[in-house]
Each structure stands twice: as structure tokens, then as C-alpha cells.
C-alpha atoms as a PDB file:
ATOM      1  CA  MET A   1      28.410  -3.937   5.003  1.00  0.00           C
ATOM      2  CA  ASN A   2      27.898  -1.087   7.616  1.00  0.00           C
ATOM      3  CA  GLY A   3      24.018  -0.226   7.736  1.00  0.00           C
ATOM      4  CA  THR A   4      22.828  -1.691   4.477  1.00  0.00           C
ATOM      5  CA  ARG A   5      21.888  -5.386   3.236  1.00  0.00           C
ATOM      6  CA  LYS A   6      21.377  -6.410   0.181  1.00  0.00           C
ATOM      7  CA  TYR A   7      17.570  -8.152  -1.275  1.00  0.00           C
ATOM      8  CA  ARG A   8      16.625  -9.337  -4.347  1.00  0.00           C
ATOM      9  CA  PHE A   9      13.453  -8.259  -5.116  1.00  0.00           C
ATOM     10  CA  ALA A  10      10.697  -7.425  -8.026  1.00  0.00           C
ATOM     11  CA  GLY A  11       9.961  -4.027  -8.612  1.00  0.00           C
ATOM     12  CA  SER A  12      10.906  -0.651 -10.556  1.00  0.00           C
ATOM     13  CA  CYS A  13      14.890  -0.759  -9.422  1.00  0.00           C
ATOM     14  CA  VAL A  14      17.860  -2.932 -10.408  1.00  0.00           C
ATOM     15  CA  PRO A  15      17.281  -6.690  -8.691  1.00  0.00           C
ATOM     16  CA  SER A  16      20.647  -5.996  -6.194  1.00  0.00           C
ATOM     17  CA  GLN A  17      19.785  -3.009  -5.163  1.00  0.00           C
ATOM     18  CA  ARG A  18      20.603  -2.322  -2.113  1.00  0.00           C
ATOM     19  CA  VAL A  19      18.112  -0.793   1.257  1.00  0.00           C
ATOM     20  CA  THR A  20      19.487   0.919   3.974  1.00  0.00           C
ATOM     21  CA  LEU A  21      17.956  -0.748   7.322  1.00  0.00           C
ATOM     22  CA  SER A  22      15.759   2.468   7.499  1.00  0.00           C
ATOM     23  CA  GLY A  23      13.598   0.488   4.716  1.00  0.00           C
ATOM     24  CA  THR A  24      14.823   3.108   2.257  1.00  0.00           C
ATOM     25  CA  ALA A  25      15.838   1.674  -1.457  1.00  0.00           C
ATOM     26  CA  GLN A  26      18.986   2.933  -3.182  1.00  0.00           C
ATOM     27  CA  CYS A  27      17.217   2.634  -6.432  1.00  0.00           C
ATOM     28  CA  ARG A  28      19.648   2.875  -9.524  1.00  0.00           C
ATOM     29  CA  LYS A  29      18.481   2.342 -13.393  1.00  0.00           C
ATOM     30  CA  ASN A  30      19.004  -0.788 -15.323  1.00  0.00           C
ATOM     31  CA  ARG A  31      20.673   0.815 -18.393  1.00  0.00           C
ATOM     32  CA  SER A  32      21.553  -3.027 -20.300  1.00  0.00           C
ATOM     33  CA  ALA A  33      18.063  -3.793 -19.852  1.00  0.00           C
ATOM     34  CA  GLY A  34      15.401  -2.245 -22.154  1.00  0.00           C
ATOM     35  CA  LYS A  35      13.053  -1.511 -19.293  1.00  0.00           C
ATOM     36  CA  PRO A  36      14.298  -0.396 -16.341  1.00  0.00           C
ATOM     37  CA  GLY A  37      15.248  -3.129 -13.597  1.00  0.00           C
ATOM     38  CA  ARG A  38      13.377  -5.796 -15.950  1.00  0.00           C
ATOM     39  CA  THR A  39      15.849  -9.288 -16.171  1.00  0.00           C
ATOM     40  CA  SER A  40      15.717 -12.257 -16.869  1.00  0.00           C
ATOM     41  CA  GLU A  41      16.031 -13.397 -13.430  1.00  0.00           C
ATOM     42  CA  GLN A  42      13.136 -11.834 -12.560  1.00  0.00           C
ATOM     43  CA  ALA A  43      10.954 -14.610 -13.944  1.00  0.00           C
ATOM     44  CA  SER A  44      12.341 -17.209 -11.852  1.00  0.00           C
ATOM     45  CA  ARG A  45      13.218 -15.230  -8.309  1.00  0.00           C
ATOM     46  CA  GLN A  46      10.792 -14.531  -5.705  1.00  0.00           C
ATOM     47  CA  ALA A  47      10.979 -11.340  -3.635  1.00  0.00           C
ATOM     48  CA  HIS A  48      13.366 -11.630  -0.583  1.00  0.00           C
ATOM     49  CA  ARG A  49      12.123  -8.583   1.157  1.00  0.00           C
ATOM     50  CA  PRO A  50      11.127  -8.592   4.332  1.00  0.00           C
ATOM     51  CA  ALA A  51       7.517  -7.260   5.010  1.00  0.00           C
ATOM     52  CA  SER A  52       9.114  -5.234   8.164  1.00  0.00           C
ATOM     53  CA  SER A  53      11.004  -2.987   6.303  1.00  0.00           C
ATOM     54  CA  TYR A  54       7.278  -1.616   5.120  1.00  0.00           C
ATOM     55  CA  ALA A  55       7.258  -0.659   8.954  1.00  0.00           C
ATOM     56  CA  THR A  56       8.311   2.254   7.102  1.00  0.00           C
ATOM     57  CA  GLU A  57       4.527   3.685   6.231  1.00  0.00           C
ATOM     58  CA  ILE A  58       4.775   4.356  10.327  1.00  0.00           C
ATOM     59  CA  GLU A  59       7.463   6.047  10.149  1.00  0.00           C
ATOM     60  CA  ARG A  60       6.014   8.435   7.381  1.00  0.00           C
ATOM     61  CA  VAL A  61       2.582   8.855   9.355  1.00  0.00           C
ATOM     62  CA  ARG A  62       4.968   9.980  12.586  1.00  0.00           C
ATOM     63  CA  ARG A  63       7.205  12.438  10.213  1.00  0.00           C
ATOM     64  CA  GLY A  64       3.703  14.324   9.150  1.00  0.00           C
ATOM     65  CA  GLU A  65       3.862  13.312   4.913  1.00  0.00           C
ATOM     66  CA  HIS A  66       0.332  12.016   5.585  1.00  0.00           C
ATOM     67  CA  GLY A  67      -2.274  10.814   8.340  1.00  0.00           C
ATOM     68  CA  ALA A  68      -4.060   7.658   8.891  1.00  0.00           C
ATOM     69  CA  ARG A  69      -7.739   7.250   9.588  1.00  0.00           C
ATOM     70  CA  SER A  70      -6.817   4.619  11.910  1.00  0.00           C
ATOM     71  CA  THR A  71      -3.782   2.599  13.286  1.00  0.00           C
ATOM     72  CA  ARG A  72      -4.969  -0.569  11.247  1.00  0.00           C
ATOM     73  CA  GLN A  73      -5.447   1.965   8.101  1.00  0.00           C
ATOM     74  CA  ALA A  74      -1.709   2.427   8.449  1.00  0.00           C
ATOM     75  CA  ILE A  75      -1.181  -0.862   8.833  1.00  0.00           C
ATOM     76  CA  ALA A  76      -3.067  -2.182   5.641  1.00  0.00           C
ATOM     77  CA  ILE A  77      -1.215   0.824   3.451  1.00  0.00           C
ATOM     78  CA  GLY A  78       1.687  -0.880   4.713  1.00  0.00           C
ATOM     79  CA  LEU A  79       0.943  -4.579   3.806  1.00  0.00           C
ATOM     80  CA  SER A  80      -0.548  -3.208   0.257  1.00  0.00           C
ATOM     81  CA  GLU A  81       3.226  -1.577  -0.169  1.00  0.00           C
ATOM     82  CA  ALA A  82       4.535  -4.717   0.677  1.00  0.00           C
ATOM     83  CA  ARG A  83       2.607  -6.835  -1.704  1.00  0.00           C
ATOM     84  CA  ARG A  84       2.973  -4.566  -4.507  1.00  0.00           C
ATOM     85  CA  ALA A  85       6.558  -4.643  -4.174  1.00  0.00           C
ATOM     86  CA  GLY A  86       6.691  -8.405  -4.644  1.00  0.00           C
ATOM     87  CA  VAL A  87       7.045  -9.551  -0.968  1.00  0.00           C
ATOM     88  CA  ASP A  88       5.646 -13.106  -0.873  1.00  0.00           C
ATOM     89  CA  LEU A  89       2.865 -12.271   1.189  1.00  0.00           C
ATOM     90  CA  PRO A  90      -0.953 -13.910   0.317  1.00  0.00           C
ATOM     91  CA  PRO A  91      -3.954 -12.139   0.866  1.00  0.00           C
ATOM     92  CA  PRO A  92      -6.264 -13.220   3.741  1.00  0.00           C
ATOM     93  CA  ARG A  93      -8.300 -16.437   3.276  1.00  0.00           C
ATOM     94  CA  LYS A  94     -12.017 -16.808   2.945  1.00  0.00           C
ATOM     95  CA  GLY A  95     -13.604 -15.449   6.072  1.00  0.00           C
ATOM     96  CA  ARG A  96     -10.660 -13.524   7.781  1.00  0.00           C
ATOM     97  CA  ALA A  97     -11.147 -10.312   5.700  1.00  0.00           C
ATOM     98  CA  GLN A  98     -14.230  -8.270   3.843  1.00  0.00           C
ATOM     99  CA  GLN A  99     -14.526  -9.465   0.626  1.00  0.00           C
ATOM    100  CA  ARG A 100     -13.461  -5.708  -0.720  1.00  0.00           C
ATOM    101  CA  THR A 101     -10.050  -5.940   1.475  1.00  0.00           C
ATOM    102  CA  ARG A 102      -9.584  -9.687   0.412  1.00  0.00           C
ATOM    103  CA  ARG A 103      -9.717  -8.688  -3.685  1.00  0.00           C
ATOM    104  CA  SER A 104      -7.714  -5.182  -2.697  1.00  0.00           C
ATOM    105  CA  ALA A 105      -5.341  -7.144  -1.425  1.00  0.00           C
ATOM    106  CA  LYS A 106      -5.453  -9.997  -4.408  1.00  0.00           C
ATOM    107  CA  TYR A 107      -4.919  -7.123  -6.666  1.00  0.00           C
ATOM    108  CA  ALA A 108      -1.701  -5.724  -5.031  1.00  0.00           C
ATOM    109  CA  TYR A 109      -0.323  -9.299  -4.425  1.00  0.00           C
ATOM    110  CA  GLN A 110      -0.678 -10.370  -8.626  1.00  0.00           C
ATOM    111  CA  ALA A 111       1.023  -6.797  -9.225  1.00  0.00           C
ATOM    112  CA  GLY A 112       4.270  -7.332  -7.141  1.00  0.00           C
ATOM    113  CA  GLN A 113       4.595 -11.338  -8.566  1.00  0.00           C
ATOM    114  CA  GLY A 114       4.074  -9.734 -12.086  1.00  0.00           C
ATOM    115  CA  LYS A 115       1.085 -11.015 -12.547  1.00  0.00           C
ATOM    116  CA  ARG A 116      -0.641  -8.034 -13.209  1.00  0.00           C
ATOM    117  CA  LYS A 117       0.365  -5.179 -14.794  1.00  0.00           C
ATOM    118  CA  PRO A 118      -1.030  -1.992 -12.655  1.00  0.00           C
ATOM    119  CA  ARG A 119      -2.879   0.318 -14.189  1.00  0.00           C
ATOM    120  CA  ARG A 120      -1.293   4.419 -13.459  1.00  0.00           C
ATOM    121  CA  ARG A 121      -4.067   6.733 -12.354  1.00  0.00           C
ATOM    122  CA  PRO A 122      -2.663  10.112 -11.333  1.00  0.00           C
ATOM    123  CA  ARG A 123      -5.705  11.739 -10.319  1.00  0.00           C
ATOM    124  CA  VAL A 124      -6.760   8.954  -8.075  1.00  0.00           C
ATOM    125  CA  SER A 125      -3.142   8.963  -6.523  1.00  0.00           C
ATOM    126  CA  ARG A 126      -3.435  12.406  -5.839  1.00  0.00           C
ATOM    127  CA  ALA A 127      -6.901  12.241  -4.166  1.00  0.00           C
ATOM    128  CA  VAL A 128      -5.863  10.095  -1.974  1.00  0.00           C
ATOM    129  CA  LYS A 129      -2.623  11.562  -1.302  1.00  0.00           C
ATOM    130  CA  GLN A 130      -4.752  14.626  -0.411  1.00  0.00           C
ATOM    131  CA  VAL A 131      -7.147  12.675   1.477  1.00  0.00           C
ATOM    132  CA  LEU A 132      -4.503  10.627   3.838  1.00  0.00           C
ATOM    133  CA  LYS A 133      -3.254  14.407   4.457  1.00  0.00           C
ATOM    134  CA  ARG A 134      -5.949  15.600   6.312  1.00  0.00           C
ATOM    135  CA  GLU A 135      -6.262  12.430   8.496  1.00  0.00           C
ATOM    136  CA  PRO A 136      -4.655  12.629  12.102  1.00  0.00           C
ATOM    137  CA  ARG A 137      -0.880  11.650  13.392  1.00  0.00           C
ATOM    138  CA  ARG A 138      -1.809   9.980  16.328  1.00  0.00           C
ATOM    139  CA  THR A 139      -2.683   6.621  15.017  1.00  0.00           C
ATOM    140  CA  ALA A 140       0.874   6.371  14.506  1.00  0.00           C
ATOM    141  CA  SER A 141       2.081   6.635  18.149  1.00  0.00           C
ATOM    142  CA  ARG A 142       3.430   3.877  20.434  1.00  0.00           C
ATOM    143  CA  ARG A 143       0.052   3.957  22.337  1.00  0.00           C
ATOM    144  CA  ALA A 144      -2.156   3.329  19.541  1.00  0.00           C
ATOM    145  CA  LEU A 145       0.052   0.495  18.158  1.00  0.00           C
ATOM    146  CA  SER A 146       0.427  -0.613  21.365  1.00  0.00           C
ATOM    147  CA  GLN A 147      -3.737  -0.677  22.028  1.00  0.00           C
ATOM    148  CA  GLN A 148      -3.313  -2.274  18.400  1.00  0.00           C
ATOM    149  CA  ALA A 149      -1.727  -5.276  19.134  1.00  0.00           C
ATOM    150  CA  LYS A 150      -3.226  -6.317  22.586  1.00  0.00           C
ATOM    151  CA  GLY A 151      -6.533  -5.803  20.410  1.00  0.00           C
ATOM    152  CA  ALA A 152      -5.066  -8.023  18.028  1.00  0.00           C
ATOM    153  CA  ALA A 153      -3.840 -10.373  20.240  1.00  0.00           C
ATOM    154  CA  SER A 154      -7.019 -10.727  22.938  1.00  0.00           C
ATOM    155  CA  ARG A 155      -8.793 -12.360  19.651  1.00  0.00           C
ATOM    156  CA  ARG A 156      -6.507 -14.930  18.959  1.00  0.00           C
ATOM    157  CA  SER A 157      -6.534 -18.347  20.590  1.00  0.00           C
ATOM    158  CA  ALA A 158      -3.454 -18.887  23.228  1.00  0.00           C
ATOM    159  CA  ALA A 159      -2.488 -21.849  21.269  1.00  0.00           C
ATOM    160  CA  SER A 160      -2.023 -19.526  18.262  1.00  0.00           C
ATOM    161  CA  ARG A 161      -0.016 -17.035  20.363  1.00  0.00           C
ATOM    162  CA  SER A 162       2.091 -19.693  21.839  1.00  0.00           C
ATOM    163  CA  ALA A 163       2.442 -20.867  18.355  1.00  0.00           C
ATOM    164  CA  ALA A 164       3.727 -17.754  17.353  1.00  0.00           C
ATOM    165  CA  GLY A 165       6.067 -16.853  20.244  1.00  0.00           C
ATOM    166  CA  ARG A 166       7.579 -20.239  19.619  1.00  0.00           C
ATOM    167  CA  LYS A 167       8.357 -19.477  15.679  1.00  0.00           C
ATOM    168  CA  ALA A 168      10.015 -15.814  16.624  1.00  0.00           C
ATOM    169  CA  VAL A 169      12.072 -17.696  19.420  1.00  0.00           C
ATOM    170  CA  ARG A 170      13.217 -19.553  16.290  1.00  0.00           C
ATOM    171  CA  THR A 171      13.587 -17.350  13.527  1.00  0.00           C
ATOM    172  CA  LYS A 172      15.203 -14.508  15.662  1.00  0.00           C
ATOM    173  CA  GLY A 173      18.640 -15.635  16.361  1.00  0.00           C
ATOM    174  CA  ALA A 174      20.779 -15.715  19.284  1.00  0.00           C
ATOM    175  CA  LYS A 175      21.256 -11.834  19.701  1.00  0.00           C
ATOM    176  CA  GLY A 176      17.728 -10.982  18.719  1.00  0.00           C
ATOM    177  CA  ARG A 177      16.564 -13.173  21.621  1.00  0.00           C
ATOM    178  CA  SER A 178      19.159 -10.980  23.934  1.00  0.00           C
ATOM    179  CA  ALA A 179      17.987  -8.343  22.745  1.00  0.00           C
ATOM    180  CA  ALA A 180      14.396  -9.082  23.160  1.00  0.00           C
ATOM    181  CA  ALA A 181      15.272 -10.170  26.462  1.00  0.00           C
ATOM    182  CA  ARG A 182      16.449  -7.176  27.596  1.00  0.00           C
ATOM    183  CA  LYS A 183      13.645  -5.172  26.323  1.00  0.00           C
ATOM    184  CA  ALA A 184      10.842  -6.950  28.012  1.00  0.00           C
ATOM    185  CA  ALA A 185      12.936  -7.120  31.303  1.00  0.00           C
ATOM    186  CA  ARG A 186      12.956  -2.854  30.707  1.00  0.00           C
ATOM    187  CA  THR A 187       9.267  -3.049  30.322  1.00  0.00           C
ATOM    188  CA  ARG A 188       8.702  -5.039  33.395  1.00  0.00           C
ATOM    189  CA  ALA A 189      11.041  -2.827  35.318  1.00  0.00           C
ATOM    190  CA  ARG A 190       8.705   0.667  34.089  1.00  0.00           C
ATOM    191  CA  ARG A 191       5.255  -1.049  34.188  1.00  0.00           C
ATOM    192  CA  LYS A 192       6.351  -1.963  38.089  1.00  0.00           C
ATOM    193  CA  GLY A 193       7.648   1.535  39.541  1.00  0.00           C
END
């Protein structure tokens, strides 16, 4: 399919829309239905768009569309967008995050699953955009992301990290494992030299 993948997800576009590998959707309106993108399939189908495609939030910050107060904020914005687009990414359990964060995640998740109709607030949206434009861009740098990942990993147990690694091996596939091994070897060589 040279550079594009087909995903089905509940959103404002046709369910079988094309998403390029960079994560940008080439949206087409569904003219046959009453509302854009609404079909009878929508209720029965779950979202199949990978959450990783919302790593584009980091790319947006890097391009300078807006900034982020911290690396965690940039990640949180990406997760929220993914939930709103219908990715099956449940909100954090009690005790894992602040109540306010959990409530926000729950709202975004319900909106994405079609259980809640979000109220459009253009004035609030514009205000948030203006505030984000004044935030720094360095929070999405390679160094900042690396520090965030190391810090998050250090708070997890060795068993949890090991289980995540084993799962990655199962889901990556031969090509993905080979690429990851080459990248790891390059990193080791760079750190040695």
C-alpha cells in the first residue's frame, strides 16, 4: 500500500479512511450518510487505530505549532487526542493518577467511544491554543523524552519492565525485532565511544 495503512475508527471521517504512516489522516466526507462519517458499523466496531500514531503530538511541538509546559504535558495531550478519536485506551485506575486527570481521561474516553457528545467550546479552545503557543518547544526534544522515559521506568519494578519487554518481543515481529536490535547496537556503540 506504499506508505499508507487502512484503519477503521469512529470519528468525523469515513470509517475506512486512509492514515499515512506519519499519522496524518486524509479525510473524506461520507456523502451517502445523513451526518459526516456516521455509519451503522460504528456501533459494532471498536477503534483499530494504534495509539502510537498520536505520537504526532510530539512532532507538532517540534514543528513549532505549539509548545508544552513539560514533556508529560505533551504526552498527556497526545493520549487525550487518541482517546477522543476512539482508541481503546481506558483511563488510569484509582490511585494511578490525580482525580482531576482521571476525570478528564474518562470524559475523553467516553467521547471517543460514542457514549458522550462533547460540547464544542471555540472560545476555550482558542484560549488554550494561545497559552500553548507561549510554552517552550524544548520539552519535546530527544533529550527531554529520554529523561522522561528513564524517570518513568525507574519508578516501575524490574518485573514490570521485564514483562513489558517480553510483550514487545511478542508483538513486534521479526522485522521490528531486527530493527530494534540494530538501534540498540548503535546506541551501545555511541555510548562506548
